[in-house]
């Protein structure tokens, strides 16, 4: 039995156990299954944006444009003279979308939205008091990192890093941790600088560190020492006002699922 069959069987068993048949659900793309691209917004009517972006990104994605499913979302607050208006495009293979939809359908649930981690993290950040002024959120999976900058429920900037919690922990054990941590600091600082220079918004109030599957006790001290913004841990249980305590491993694995459940929009990829 291959991985897809194992995943399908596990999902069907879970749906049956929890009696979730015919439940409306959201699924979140894996980091390797899509590309999030910051592109110059075409000067076309809103109804023609997807088609225009479709051709604009054809040389930026790692597969043929005819095999792509594209969605777009705009970024507000871009009104500085001399700067091009930018927007985000999400691109994935149509095969990936089809396989994910079939997996959900075979489990007897009803798929409503296919989301991406960056938008899920935005939903979590929107619960924090720091989001009122603007907040950066840093989240590591074992293989990837995500930086988001949001303000008042709006995602202004997102970066996906080829650095995960596993590589950070291994570098720290082998004595190479400082160099890799410095590269994370650099990516965060570049994000903050881009936000300050491209959007007419107050400065970001601070950086929140989401829990990670692999413990990174050295991360917060290094970031606090090398960034000019306050660095705090994201406490998911407090945000959700949960009386049940979950450890960092559970919170990390559930973070994007929680963010997906918090989504209020009804537009799918």
C-alpha atoms as a PDB file:
ATOM      1  CA  UNK A   1       0.000   0.000   0.000  1.00  0.00           C
ATOM      2  CA  UNK A   2       1.469   3.415  -0.990  1.00  0.00           C
ATOM      3  CA  UNK A   3       1.581   6.621   1.060  1.00  0.00           C
ATOM      4  CA  UNK A   4      -1.566   8.074  -0.531  1.00  0.00           C
ATOM      5  CA  UNK A   5      -3.553   4.928   0.253  1.00  0.00           C
ATOM      6  CA  UNK A   6      -2.265   4.916   3.840  1.00  0.00           C
ATOM      7  CA  UNK A   7      -3.261   8.559   4.241  1.00  0.00           C
ATOM      8  CA  UNK A   8      -6.702   7.942   2.780  1.00  0.00           C
ATOM      9  CA  UNK A   9      -7.344   4.951   4.998  1.00  0.00           C
ATOM     10  CA  UNK A  10      -6.180   6.836   8.121  1.00  0.00           C
ATOM     11  CA  UNK A  11      -8.440   9.779   7.293  1.00  0.00           C
ATOM     12  CA  UNK A  12     -11.465   7.563   6.659  1.00  0.00           C
ATOM     13  CA  UNK A  13     -10.911   5.772   9.956  1.00  0.00           C
ATOM     14  CA  UNK A  14     -10.647   9.054  11.819  1.00  0.00           C
ATOM     15  CA  UNK A  15     -13.763  10.471  10.167  1.00  0.00           C
ATOM     16  CA  UNK A  16     -15.702   7.334  11.051  1.00  0.00           C
ATOM     17  CA  UNK A  17     -14.452   7.309  14.651  1.00  0.00           C
ATOM     18  CA  UNK A  18     -15.371  10.960  15.215  1.00  0.00           C
ATOM     19  CA  UNK A  19     -18.607  10.688  13.206  1.00  0.00           C
ATOM     20  CA  UNK A  20     -17.630  13.508  10.853  1.00  0.00           C
ATOM     21  CA  UNK A  21     -19.334  12.169   7.730  1.00  0.00           C
ATOM     22  CA  UNK A  22     -20.731  14.998   5.539  1.00  0.00           C
ATOM     23  CA  UNK A  23     -18.969  17.590   7.701  1.00  0.00           C
ATOM     24  CA  UNK A  24     -17.800  20.699   5.816  1.00  0.00           C
ATOM     25  CA  UNK A  25     -14.031  20.979   6.087  1.00  0.00           C
ATOM     26  CA  UNK A  26     -10.936  22.955   5.085  1.00  0.00           C
ATOM     27  CA  UNK A  27      -7.614  21.429   4.086  1.00  0.00           C
ATOM     28  CA  UNK A  28      -4.199  23.115   4.200  1.00  0.00           C
ATOM     29  CA  UNK A  29      -1.565  22.666   1.510  1.00  0.00           C
ATOM     30  CA  UNK A  30       1.828  21.265   2.445  1.00  0.00           C
ATOM     31  CA  UNK A  31       4.718  23.757   1.960  1.00  0.00           C
ATOM     32  CA  UNK A  32       6.194  21.763  -0.932  1.00  0.00           C
ATOM     33  CA  UNK A  33       2.886  21.599  -2.823  1.00  0.00           C
ATOM     34  CA  UNK A  34       2.486  25.250  -3.842  1.00  0.00           C
ATOM     35  CA  UNK A  35       4.354  28.471  -4.570  1.00  0.00           C
ATOM     36  CA  UNK A  36       3.454  31.868  -3.132  1.00  0.00           C
ATOM     37  CA  UNK A  37       4.717  34.606  -5.432  1.00  0.00           C
ATOM     38  CA  UNK A  38       4.876  38.370  -4.918  1.00  0.00           C
ATOM     39  CA  UNK A  39       4.199  39.872  -8.352  1.00  0.00           C
ATOM     40  CA  UNK A  40       3.406  43.240  -9.857  1.00  0.00           C
ATOM     41  CA  UNK A  41      -0.357  43.653 -10.072  1.00  0.00           C
ATOM     42  CA  UNK A  42      -1.650  43.759 -13.676  1.00  0.00           C
ATOM     43  CA  UNK A  43      -3.600  46.883 -14.613  1.00  0.00           C
ATOM     44  CA  UNK A  44      -6.822  45.039 -15.450  1.00  0.00           C
ATOM     45  CA  UNK A  45     -10.361  44.909 -14.018  1.00  0.00           C
ATOM     46  CA  UNK A  46     -10.734  42.715 -10.882  1.00  0.00           C
ATOM     47  CA  UNK A  47     -12.560  40.017 -12.832  1.00  0.00           C
ATOM     48  CA  UNK A  48      -9.557  39.573 -15.129  1.00  0.00           C
ATOM     49  CA  UNK A  49      -6.838  39.431 -12.458  1.00  0.00           C
ATOM     50  CA  UNK A  50      -6.447  35.648 -12.342  1.00  0.00           C
ATOM     51  CA  UNK A  51      -6.153  35.361 -16.110  1.00  0.00           C
ATOM     52  CA  UNK A  52      -3.628  38.208 -16.301  1.00  0.00           C
ATOM     53  CA  UNK A  53      -1.510  36.843 -13.435  1.00  0.00           C
ATOM     54  CA  UNK A  54      -1.701  33.380 -15.005  1.00  0.00           C
ATOM     55  CA  UNK A  55       0.570  34.523 -17.837  1.00  0.00           C
ATOM     56  CA  UNK A  56       2.697  36.815 -15.697  1.00  0.00           C
ATOM     57  CA  UNK A  57       3.946  33.947 -13.515  1.00  0.00           C
ATOM     58  CA  UNK A  58       4.424  31.302 -16.202  1.00  0.00           C
ATOM     59  CA  UNK A  59       8.226  31.618 -16.045  1.00  0.00           C
ATOM     60  CA  UNK A  60       8.314  31.802 -12.225  1.00  0.00           C
ATOM     61  CA  UNK A  61       6.833  28.421 -11.359  1.00  0.00           C
ATOM     62  CA  UNK A  62       8.476  25.021 -11.488  1.00  0.00           C
ATOM     63  CA  UNK A  63       5.886  23.375 -13.756  1.00  0.00           C
ATOM     64  CA  UNK A  64       4.005  24.137 -16.969  1.00  0.00           C
ATOM     65  CA  UNK A  65       1.480  26.940 -16.694  1.00  0.00           C
ATOM     66  CA  UNK A  66      -1.209  24.768 -18.335  1.00  0.00           C
ATOM     67  CA  UNK A  67      -0.955  22.421 -15.343  1.00  0.00           C
ATOM     68  CA  UNK A  68      -1.368  25.253 -12.814  1.00  0.00           C
ATOM     69  CA  UNK A  69      -4.252  26.296 -10.579  1.00  0.00           C
ATOM     70  CA  UNK A  70      -3.881  29.970  -9.698  1.00  0.00           C
ATOM     71  CA  UNK A  71      -5.428  32.163  -7.021  1.00  0.00           C
ATOM     72  CA  UNK A  72      -4.572  35.764  -6.164  1.00  0.00           C
ATOM     73  CA  UNK A  73      -5.026  38.150  -3.277  1.00  0.00           C
ATOM     74  CA  UNK A  74      -4.249  41.835  -3.119  1.00  0.00           C
ATOM     75  CA  UNK A  75      -2.263  43.773  -0.528  1.00  0.00           C
ATOM     76  CA  UNK A  76      -3.806  47.023   0.765  1.00  0.00           C
ATOM     77  CA  UNK A  77      -2.014  50.181   1.803  1.00  0.00           C
ATOM     78  CA  UNK A  78       0.267  50.528  -1.226  1.00  0.00           C
ATOM     79  CA  UNK A  79       0.027  54.188  -2.019  1.00  0.00           C
ATOM     80  CA  UNK A  80       3.596  55.433  -2.001  1.00  0.00           C
ATOM     81  CA  UNK A  81       4.597  57.435  -5.118  1.00  0.00           C
ATOM     82  CA  UNK A  82       6.869  55.712  -7.599  1.00  0.00           C
ATOM     83  CA  UNK A  83       6.227  52.185  -6.336  1.00  0.00           C
ATOM     84  CA  UNK A  84       4.515  49.487  -8.355  1.00  0.00           C
ATOM     85  CA  UNK A  85       1.415  47.936  -6.842  1.00  0.00           C
ATOM     86  CA  UNK A  86       2.184  44.350  -5.798  1.00  0.00           C
ATOM     87  CA  UNK A  87      -0.041  41.364  -5.101  1.00  0.00           C
ATOM     88  CA  UNK A  88       0.310  37.702  -4.189  1.00  0.00           C
ATOM     89  CA  UNK A  89      -0.294  34.769  -6.496  1.00  0.00           C
ATOM     90  CA  UNK A  90      -0.651  31.200  -5.236  1.00  0.00           C
ATOM     91  CA  UNK A  91       0.216  28.510  -7.770  1.00  0.00           C
ATOM     92  CA  UNK A  92      -0.118  24.757  -7.462  1.00  0.00           C
ATOM     93  CA  UNK A  93      -0.450  21.827  -9.807  1.00  0.00           C
ATOM     94  CA  UNK A  94      -3.983  20.898 -10.802  1.00  0.00           C
ATOM     95  CA  UNK A  95      -3.083  17.289 -10.003  1.00  0.00           C
ATOM     96  CA  UNK A  96      -2.300  18.269  -6.400  1.00  0.00           C
ATOM     97  CA  UNK A  97      -5.663  20.004  -5.998  1.00  0.00           C
ATOM     98  CA  UNK A  98      -7.492  17.070  -7.587  1.00  0.00           C
ATOM     99  CA  UNK A  99      -5.791  14.495  -5.370  1.00  0.00           C
ATOM    100  CA  UNK A 100      -6.518  16.522  -2.236  1.00  0.00           C
ATOM    101  CA  UNK A 101     -10.173  16.945  -3.227  1.00  0.00           C
ATOM    102  CA  UNK A 102     -10.528  13.215  -3.968  1.00  0.00           C
ATOM    103  CA  UNK A 103      -8.945  12.328  -0.617  1.00  0.00           C
ATOM    104  CA  UNK A 104     -11.510  14.442   1.232  1.00  0.00           C
ATOM    105  CA  UNK A 105     -14.407  13.168  -0.858  1.00  0.00           C
ATOM    106  CA  UNK A 106     -13.469   9.528  -0.221  1.00  0.00           C
ATOM    107  CA  UNK A 107     -13.506  10.240   3.508  1.00  0.00           C
ATOM    108  CA  UNK A 108     -17.182  11.313   3.250  1.00  0.00           C
ATOM    109  CA  UNK A 109     -16.460  14.909   4.296  1.00  0.00           C
ATOM    110  CA  UNK A 110     -17.330  17.932   2.158  1.00  0.00           C
ATOM    111  CA  UNK A 111     -14.387  20.076   1.077  1.00  0.00           C
ATOM    112  CA  UNK A 112     -15.100  23.804   1.175  1.00  0.00           C
ATOM    113  CA  UNK A 113     -11.658  25.485   1.057  1.00  0.00           C
ATOM    114  CA  UNK A 114      -8.087  24.600   0.171  1.00  0.00           C
ATOM    115  CA  UNK A 115      -5.932  26.978   2.198  1.00  0.00           C
ATOM    116  CA  UNK A 116      -2.222  27.733   2.551  1.00  0.00           C
ATOM    117  CA  UNK A 117      -0.193  27.993   5.797  1.00  0.00           C
ATOM    118  CA  UNK A 118       0.480  31.722   5.401  1.00  0.00           C
ATOM    119  CA  UNK A 119      -3.229  32.556   5.500  1.00  0.00           C
ATOM    120  CA  UNK A 120      -3.751  30.221   8.454  1.00  0.00           C
ATOM    121  CA  UNK A 121      -0.974  31.995  10.347  1.00  0.00           C
ATOM    122  CA  UNK A 122      -2.630  35.301   9.545  1.00  0.00           C
ATOM    123  CA  UNK A 123      -5.808  34.055  11.199  1.00  0.00           C
ATOM    124  CA  UNK A 124      -3.921  33.086  14.344  1.00  0.00           C
ATOM    125  CA  UNK A 125      -2.023  36.396  14.456  1.00  0.00           C
ATOM    126  CA  UNK A 126      -5.333  38.244  14.160  1.00  0.00           C
ATOM    127  CA  UNK A 127      -6.264  36.940  17.633  1.00  0.00           C
ATOM    128  CA  UNK A 128      -3.301  38.630  19.300  1.00  0.00           C
ATOM    129  CA  UNK A 129      -3.373  42.082  20.877  1.00  0.00           C
ATOM    130  CA  UNK A 130      -0.214  42.948  18.913  1.00  0.00           C
ATOM    131  CA  UNK A 131      -2.128  42.618  15.634  1.00  0.00           C
ATOM    132  CA  UNK A 132      -3.924  45.902  16.339  1.00  0.00           C
ATOM    133  CA  UNK A 133      -0.733  47.834  15.585  1.00  0.00           C
ATOM    134  CA  UNK A 134       0.913  45.159  13.463  1.00  0.00           C
ATOM    135  CA  UNK A 135       2.846  42.009  14.313  1.00  0.00           C
ATOM    136  CA  UNK A 136       5.371  39.614  12.797  1.00  0.00           C
ATOM    137  CA  UNK A 137       4.920  35.877  13.364  1.00  0.00           C
ATOM    138  CA  UNK A 138       7.680  33.276  12.968  1.00  0.00           C
ATOM    139  CA  UNK A 139       6.738  29.613  12.659  1.00  0.00           C
ATOM    140  CA  UNK A 140       8.928  26.599  11.943  1.00  0.00           C
ATOM    141  CA  UNK A 141       7.866  23.181  10.759  1.00  0.00           C
ATOM    142  CA  UNK A 142      10.560  20.482  10.840  1.00  0.00           C
ATOM    143  CA  UNK A 143      11.539  21.349   7.254  1.00  0.00           C
ATOM    144  CA  UNK A 144      10.418  24.950   6.599  1.00  0.00           C
ATOM    145  CA  UNK A 145      10.000  28.340   8.196  1.00  0.00           C
ATOM    146  CA  UNK A 146       7.329  30.996   7.719  1.00  0.00           C
ATOM    147  CA  UNK A 147       7.438  34.727   8.418  1.00  0.00           C
ATOM    148  CA  UNK A 148       4.186  36.692   8.226  1.00  0.00           C
ATOM    149  CA  UNK A 149       3.546  40.380   8.844  1.00  0.00           C
ATOM    150  CA  UNK A 150      -0.055  41.261   9.590  1.00  0.00           C
ATOM    151  CA  UNK A 151      -2.041  44.210  10.862  1.00  0.00           C
ATOM    152  CA  UNK A 152      -5.716  44.239  11.797  1.00  0.00           C
ATOM    153  CA  UNK A 153      -6.455  40.862  10.178  1.00  0.00           C
ATOM    154  CA  UNK A 154      -4.656  41.770   6.936  1.00  0.00           C
ATOM    155  CA  UNK A 155      -1.634  39.876   5.583  1.00  0.00           C
ATOM    156  CA  UNK A 156       0.878  42.376   4.212  1.00  0.00           C
ATOM    157  CA  UNK A 157       3.944  40.218   3.756  1.00  0.00           C
ATOM    158  CA  UNK A 158       4.799  36.508   3.823  1.00  0.00           C
ATOM    159  CA  UNK A 159       8.091  34.673   3.378  1.00  0.00           C
ATOM    160  CA  UNK A 160       8.729  30.940   3.244  1.00  0.00           C
ATOM    161  CA  UNK A 161      12.178  29.836   4.418  1.00  0.00           C
ATOM    162  CA  UNK A 162      14.147  26.743   3.416  1.00  0.00           C
ATOM    163  CA  UNK A 163      15.142  26.395   7.070  1.00  0.00           C
ATOM    164  CA  UNK A 164      13.219  24.177   9.465  1.00  0.00           C
ATOM    165  CA  UNK A 165      13.353  23.456  13.167  1.00  0.00           C
ATOM    166  CA  UNK A 166      15.251  20.210  12.520  1.00  0.00           C
ATOM    167  CA  UNK A 167      18.081  21.980  10.656  1.00  0.00           C
ATOM    168  CA  UNK A 168      18.256  24.716  13.302  1.00  0.00           C
ATOM    169  CA  UNK A 169      18.517  22.167  16.112  1.00  0.00           C
ATOM    170  CA  UNK A 170      21.122  20.091  14.245  1.00  0.00           C
ATOM    171  CA  UNK A 171      23.218  23.181  13.471  1.00  0.00           C
ATOM    172  CA  UNK A 172      23.117  24.155  17.143  1.00  0.00           C
ATOM    173  CA  UNK A 173      24.273  20.676  18.207  1.00  0.00           C
ATOM    174  CA  UNK A 174      27.154  20.727  15.722  1.00  0.00           C
ATOM    175  CA  UNK A 175      28.358  24.200  16.645  1.00  0.00           C
ATOM    176  CA  UNK A 176      27.117  25.873  13.448  1.00  0.00           C
ATOM    177  CA  UNK A 177      23.978  27.315  14.988  1.00  0.00           C
ATOM    178  CA  UNK A 178      24.990  30.980  15.043  1.00  0.00           C
ATOM    179  CA  UNK A 179      25.399  31.239  11.267  1.00  0.00           C
ATOM    180  CA  UNK A 180      21.994  29.679  10.577  1.00  0.00           C
ATOM    181  CA  UNK A 181      20.318  31.801  13.251  1.00  0.00           C
ATOM    182  CA  UNK A 182      21.881  34.900  11.732  1.00  0.00           C
ATOM    183  CA  UNK A 183      20.326  34.006   8.385  1.00  0.00           C
ATOM    184  CA  UNK A 184      16.907  33.837  10.101  1.00  0.00           C
ATOM    185  CA  UNK A 185      17.539  37.246  11.678  1.00  0.00           C
ATOM    186  CA  UNK A 186      18.450  38.619   8.248  1.00  0.00           C
ATOM    187  CA  UNK A 187      15.222  37.325   6.682  1.00  0.00           C
ATOM    188  CA  UNK A 188      13.137  38.831   9.494  1.00  0.00           C
ATOM    189  CA  UNK A 189      14.939  42.185   9.221  1.00  0.00           C
ATOM    190  CA  UNK A 190      14.469  42.239   5.439  1.00  0.00           C
ATOM    191  CA  UNK A 191      10.767  41.591   5.960  1.00  0.00           C
ATOM    192  CA  UNK A 192      10.471  44.409   8.493  1.00  0.00           C
ATOM    193  CA  UNK A 193      12.392  46.781   6.213  1.00  0.00           C
ATOM    194  CA  UNK A 194      10.179  45.917   3.240  1.00  0.00           C
ATOM    195  CA  UNK A 195       7.059  46.518   5.307  1.00  0.00           C
ATOM    196  CA  UNK A 196       8.341  49.890   6.520  1.00  0.00           C
ATOM    197  CA  UNK A 197       9.334  51.049   3.040  1.00  0.00           C
ATOM    198  CA  UNK A 198       6.310  49.848   1.050  1.00  0.00           C
ATOM    199  CA  UNK A 199       3.281  50.375   3.271  1.00  0.00           C
ATOM    200  CA  UNK A 200       1.867  53.471   4.919  1.00  0.00           C
ATOM    201  CA  UNK A 201       1.392  51.740   8.266  1.00  0.00           C
ATOM    202  CA  UNK A 202       2.786  52.166  11.790  1.00  0.00           C
ATOM    203  CA  UNK A 203       5.918  50.131  12.589  1.00  0.00           C
ATOM    204  CA  UNK A 204       5.427  46.476  13.519  1.00  0.00           C
ATOM    205  CA  UNK A 205       4.903  46.171  17.290  1.00  0.00           C
ATOM    206  CA  UNK A 206       6.920  42.992  17.789  1.00  0.00           C
ATOM    207  CA  UNK A 207       7.717  39.427  16.789  1.00  0.00           C
ATOM    208  CA  UNK A 208       5.803  36.384  18.037  1.00  0.00           C
ATOM    209  CA  UNK A 209       7.457  32.948  18.033  1.00  0.00           C
ATOM    210  CA  UNK A 210       5.082  30.084  17.369  1.00  0.00           C
ATOM    211  CA  UNK A 211       5.800  26.732  19.060  1.00  0.00           C
ATOM    212  CA  UNK A 212       7.801  24.221  17.011  1.00  0.00           C
ATOM    213  CA  UNK A 213       7.878  20.426  17.013  1.00  0.00           C
ATOM    214  CA  UNK A 214      11.615  20.441  17.644  1.00  0.00           C
ATOM    215  CA  UNK A 215      12.429  22.500  20.768  1.00  0.00           C
ATOM    216  CA  UNK A 216      14.469  25.632  19.966  1.00  0.00           C
ATOM    217  CA  UNK A 217      15.282  27.186  23.373  1.00  0.00           C
ATOM    218  CA  UNK A 218      18.182  29.141  21.859  1.00  0.00           C
ATOM    219  CA  UNK A 219      16.034  30.894  19.238  1.00  0.00           C
ATOM    220  CA  UNK A 220      14.310  33.563  21.324  1.00  0.00           C
ATOM    221  CA  UNK A 221      17.495  34.813  23.077  1.00  0.00           C
ATOM    222  CA  UNK A 222      19.303  35.135  19.740  1.00  0.00           C
ATOM    223  CA  UNK A 223      16.457  37.002  18.066  1.00  0.00           C
ATOM    224  CA  UNK A 224      15.954  39.287  21.074  1.00  0.00           C
ATOM    225  CA  UNK A 225      19.629  40.189  21.020  1.00  0.00           C
ATOM    226  CA  UNK A 226      19.775  40.904  17.289  1.00  0.00           C
ATOM    227  CA  UNK A 227      16.421  42.527  16.471  1.00  0.00           C
ATOM    228  CA  UNK A 228      15.158  45.962  17.496  1.00  0.00           C
ATOM    229  CA  UNK A 229      11.592  44.746  18.125  1.00  0.00           C
ATOM    230  CA  UNK A 230      10.281  42.894  21.196  1.00  0.00           C
ATOM    231  CA  UNK A 231      10.250  39.093  20.842  1.00  0.00           C
ATOM    232  CA  UNK A 232       7.586  37.055  22.646  1.00  0.00           C
ATOM    233  CA  UNK A 233       6.345  33.470  22.564  1.00  0.00           C
ATOM    234  CA  UNK A 234       2.950  32.832  20.992  1.00  0.00           C
ATOM    235  CA  UNK A 235       0.765  31.108  23.584  1.00  0.00           C
ATOM    236  CA  UNK A 236      -1.917  29.413  21.538  1.00  0.00           C
ATOM    237  CA  UNK A 237      -3.861  28.029  24.505  1.00  0.00           C
ATOM    238  CA  UNK A 238      -4.324  31.511  25.979  1.00  0.00           C
ATOM    239  CA  UNK A 239      -5.417  32.937  22.642  1.00  0.00           C
ATOM    240  CA  UNK A 240      -8.086  30.256  22.341  1.00  0.00           C
ATOM    241  CA  UNK A 241      -9.007  30.593  26.037  1.00  0.00           C
ATOM    242  CA  UNK A 242      -8.591  26.858  26.402  1.00  0.00           C
ATOM    243  CA  UNK A 243      -8.723  25.241  29.832  1.00  0.00           C
ATOM    244  CA  UNK A 244      -6.930  22.148  28.503  1.00  0.00           C
ATOM    245  CA  UNK A 245      -3.143  22.395  28.508  1.00  0.00           C
ATOM    246  CA  UNK A 246      -1.375  21.253  25.320  1.00  0.00           C
ATOM    247  CA  UNK A 247       2.396  20.949  25.061  1.00  0.00           C
ATOM    248  CA  UNK A 248       4.430  22.725  22.372  1.00  0.00           C
ATOM    249  CA  UNK A 249       4.550  19.628  20.181  1.00  0.00           C
ATOM    250  CA  UNK A 250       0.754  19.438  19.960  1.00  0.00           C
ATOM    251  CA  UNK A 251       0.367  23.206  19.532  1.00  0.00           C
ATOM    252  CA  UNK A 252       2.935  23.249  16.722  1.00  0.00           C
ATOM    253  CA  UNK A 253       1.291  20.385  14.844  1.00  0.00           C
ATOM    254  CA  UNK A 254      -2.167  21.931  15.270  1.00  0.00           C
ATOM    255  CA  UNK A 255      -1.269  25.559  14.551  1.00  0.00           C
ATOM    256  CA  UNK A 256      -2.202  25.706  10.866  1.00  0.00           C
ATOM    257  CA  UNK A 257      -5.285  23.553  11.465  1.00  0.00           C
ATOM    258  CA  UNK A 258      -6.426  26.029  14.116  1.00  0.00           C
ATOM    259  CA  UNK A 259      -5.740  28.881  11.705  1.00  0.00           C
ATOM    260  CA  UNK A 260      -7.736  27.152   8.987  1.00  0.00           C
ATOM    261  CA  UNK A 261     -10.670  26.679  11.368  1.00  0.00           C
ATOM    262  CA  UNK A 262     -10.577  30.405  12.179  1.00  0.00           C
ATOM    263  CA  UNK A 263     -10.989  31.410   8.559  1.00  0.00           C
ATOM    264  CA  UNK A 264     -14.089  33.486   7.831  1.00  0.00           C
ATOM    265  CA  UNK A 265     -13.804  33.958   4.082  1.00  0.00           C
ATOM    266  CA  UNK A 266     -15.477  31.539   1.716  1.00  0.00           C
ATOM    267  CA  UNK A 267     -13.166  31.811  -1.307  1.00  0.00           C
ATOM    268  CA  UNK A 268     -11.203  28.658  -2.142  1.00  0.00           C
ATOM    269  CA  UNK A 269      -7.983  28.189  -4.086  1.00  0.00           C
END
